[in-house]
Amino acid sequence: MKVVFLEPAYLEYREAVEFYNLQSEGLGNKFIAEIDRTISIIKNYPESFTEYTERTRKAVVNIFPYNIFYSVKEGNIIVLAVAHQHRKPNFWVGREI
């Protein structure tokens, strides 16, 4: 399966990396590694994560307070949001495919 980030989701991801890099040297790289690990699990087991809406699922990222919201469409995983767990819940819902 191919993973495709919607542009807003990719920007959220990059902003989080920058934030963690400012907090501590190397912390952004640890965040990247956890996102990559979570996406790898999504790729291998796309239906295993909790249904969030009728067409989306939520994967919780370990260590960091983030969720990855995604849809599976035509054999692709579409990342809709990389969302902090304690800020603006459901801000991304209009991105559903």
Protein backbone atom coordinates (compact mmCIF):
# COMPACT_ATOMS: atom_id res chain seq x y z
CA MET A 1 0.00 0.00 0.00
CA LYS A 2 1.12 3.50 -0.78
CA VAL A 3 0.91 6.18 1.91
CA VAL A 4 -0.15 9.65 0.81
CA PHE A 5 -0.23 12.65 3.14
CA LEU A 6 -2.75 15.36 2.43
CA GLU A 7 -0.87 18.65 2.35
CA PRO A 8 -2.32 19.94 5.66
CA ALA A 9 -1.39 16.65 7.37
CA TYR A 10 2.16 16.86 6.05
CA LEU A 11 2.45 20.44 7.32
CA GLU A 12 1.21 19.34 10.77
CA TYR A 13 3.81 16.59 10.79
CA ARG A 14 6.66 18.96 9.80
CA GLU A 15 5.56 21.58 12.37
CA ALA A 16 5.63 18.93 15.11
CA VAL A 17 9.13 17.84 14.04
CA GLU A 18 10.33 21.45 14.19
CA PHE A 19 8.70 21.94 17.60
CA TYR A 20 10.38 18.85 19.06
CA ASN A 21 13.75 19.82 17.55
CA LEU A 22 13.50 23.14 19.38
CA GLN A 23 12.72 21.37 22.66
CA SER A 24 15.73 19.05 22.65
CA GLU A 25 18.38 18.02 20.16
CA GLY A 26 17.39 14.77 18.48
CA LEU A 27 13.82 14.77 19.82
CA GLY A 28 12.45 15.62 16.36
CA ASN A 29 14.20 12.54 14.99
CA LYS A 30 12.60 10.40 17.69
CA PHE A 31 9.22 11.83 16.69
CA ILE A 32 9.92 10.99 13.03
CA ALA A 33 10.87 7.44 14.02
CA GLU A 34 7.62 6.96 15.97
CA ILE A 35 5.52 8.36 13.13
CA ASP A 36 7.34 6.05 10.69
CA ARG A 37 6.80 3.07 12.99
CA THR A 38 3.10 3.84 13.34
CA ILE A 39 2.69 4.29 9.58
CA SER A 40 4.47 0.98 8.99
CA ILE A 41 1.92 -0.75 11.23
CA ILE A 42 -0.91 1.04 9.42
CA LYS A 43 0.47 -0.17 6.07
CA ASN A 44 0.64 -3.77 7.26
CA TYR A 45 -2.64 -3.80 9.19
CA PRO A 46 -4.78 -0.90 7.92
CA GLU A 47 -8.04 -2.25 9.34
CA SER A 48 -6.66 -2.94 12.82
CA PHE A 49 -6.96 0.57 14.20
CA THR A 50 -10.06 2.06 15.77
CA GLU A 51 -12.76 3.35 13.46
CA TYR A 52 -13.17 7.03 14.17
CA THR A 53 -15.82 7.88 11.61
CA GLU A 54 -17.48 5.80 8.94
CA ARG A 55 -14.53 6.35 6.56
CA THR A 56 -11.60 7.10 8.88
CA ARG A 57 -9.45 5.37 11.45
CA LYS A 58 -7.29 6.63 14.29
CA ALA A 59 -3.83 5.32 15.12
CA VAL A 60 -2.31 6.46 18.40
CA VAL A 61 1.40 7.27 18.23
CA ASN A 62 3.50 5.82 21.06
CA ILE A 63 5.58 8.11 23.29
CA PHE A 64 4.27 11.35 21.75
CA PRO A 65 0.75 12.75 22.28
CA TYR A 66 -0.28 12.48 18.63
CA ASN A 67 -2.83 10.57 16.59
CA ILE A 68 -2.71 9.76 12.91
CA PHE A 69 -6.11 9.93 11.25
CA TYR A 70 -6.32 8.12 7.93
CA SER A 71 -8.56 6.57 5.32
CA VAL A 72 -8.00 3.61 3.04
CA LYS A 73 -9.02 4.35 -0.52
CA GLU A 74 -8.30 2.40 -3.68
CA GLY A 75 -5.42 0.54 -2.07
CA ASN A 76 -3.82 3.71 -0.70
CA ILE A 77 -3.56 5.00 2.83
CA ILE A 78 -4.51 8.66 2.90
CA VAL A 79 -3.18 10.46 5.99
CA LEU A 80 -5.75 13.12 6.82
CA ALA A 81 -4.16 14.57 9.95
CA VAL A 82 -1.24 14.28 12.32
CA ALA A 83 -3.07 15.69 15.31
CA HIS A 84 -1.96 16.54 18.82
CA GLN A 85 -4.21 14.73 21.28
CA HIS A 86 -4.84 17.77 23.47
CA ARG A 87 -5.44 20.51 20.91
CA LYS A 88 -8.44 21.35 18.74
CA PRO A 89 -10.21 18.00 18.55
CA ASN A 90 -11.77 17.17 15.20
CA PHE A 91 -10.29 20.19 13.42
CA TRP A 92 -9.46 17.95 10.49
CA VAL A 93 -12.90 16.33 9.97
CA GLY A 94 -13.63 18.38 6.82
CA ARG A 95 -10.68 16.61 5.17
CA GLU A 96 -12.45 13.28 5.05
CA ILE A 97 -12.40 11.63 1.67
